[in-house]
Amino acid sequence: MTASAPVPPALPAADAAALADFADMLLLEHGLSANSLAAYQSDLRLLGRWLAARGRSLLQADDADLRDYLAARQRQARPREPGQGFNARSQARHVTAARRFYRWLVRERRREDDPTRLLETPRQGRPLPKTLGLAEVDRLLAVPDDSVLGRRDRAMLELMYASGLRVSELVSLPLPRLNLQRGLVLVLGKGGRERLVPMGEAAQQALQAWLRLARPALAAGHAASDAVFLSNRGEAMTRHNFWHRIKLHARAAGIAASALSPHTLRHAFATHLLENGADLRSVQSLLGHADLSTTQIYTHVTRARLKALHAQHHPRG
């Protein structure tokens, strides 16, 4: 018989109560999304259980406990990609969660000291976003047919590539935020920030065909929804629905799964704009990035592509 894995110890009641209060604070004071809240809670519970197994608690932990925990995580880590080694991104996220939690404890006078004060955040290389070449985008956009679902998928793909929407922004887009006459879409992005983005003629035509010829068929017999894109149940599309459909069309277009990510067309939007002379500040505005440094990653993508083209086509490449 195979020995069962040990059951991790439960969090002490005081730790669990503190984490619940911390989550409430993040939600009420900072408006964190459900995904961000879940990530903080998951990271801190892992730390809490590790401490509990050693007779310690989140509320008692000192800097030596936290260093031991991070060292233990590093010993257990496995490389995610060849040559990448330990995943510093995951470790940095745990440090950030702990730092925020303990600073809050100090602020609330539940602790007098901050054990994360001397912790260093691991340096992490930023991975280049996965993107597609122009020919690959053309093949992908040509795949959806003129069926009801095909018209919907073409409209979604065209809009994402034309306007650089995040997947979450795409699937949650309501009808009142589309202005097809002017070719504009009003996007509600991260942190409740709005941006007005042009969509281009191809996306306008695909959206008009979807709204006029196909969307009514999916909406029929279901409760009214103001979502632009509906599933075959008449409800708003989900991220999972969209990701399933884009992978289906990518296979038909001969695009490898390794070249795809949920934001592939958003990345292609930014990369192709920069390659064709758009300035970084404009692309930042269109993408809805709060910080220009987030947009600068695409300059690395364009440089990497230029180097690859040079190596492939130059006589002495």
Foldseek 3Di string as FASTA:
>chain_A
DDDDDDDQDAAPPVQVVLLVVVLVCCCPVVVDDPVVSVLLSVLVRVLQSVQVVVVHGLLGDALVSVVVVLVVVLVVADDPDPPQHGDLVVSLSSLVSLQVSQVVCCVVVSDVDRRSPPPDRDDHDDDFDQADDPVLLVLLLPQQDLALVSLLLNLLSLQCLQQLEQLVQSLQAFQVQDDLVVQWGWTQDPPRDIAITGRDDSSSVSLVCNVPPHLVVQLPPHDDDRGSHADSVNHGDDLVNSVVVSVVSSVVSVHDPVSDDSSHSSLHNLLVCVVVPDDQVVNCRSNVPPDSVVSCSSVVVNVVVVVVCCVVPPPVD
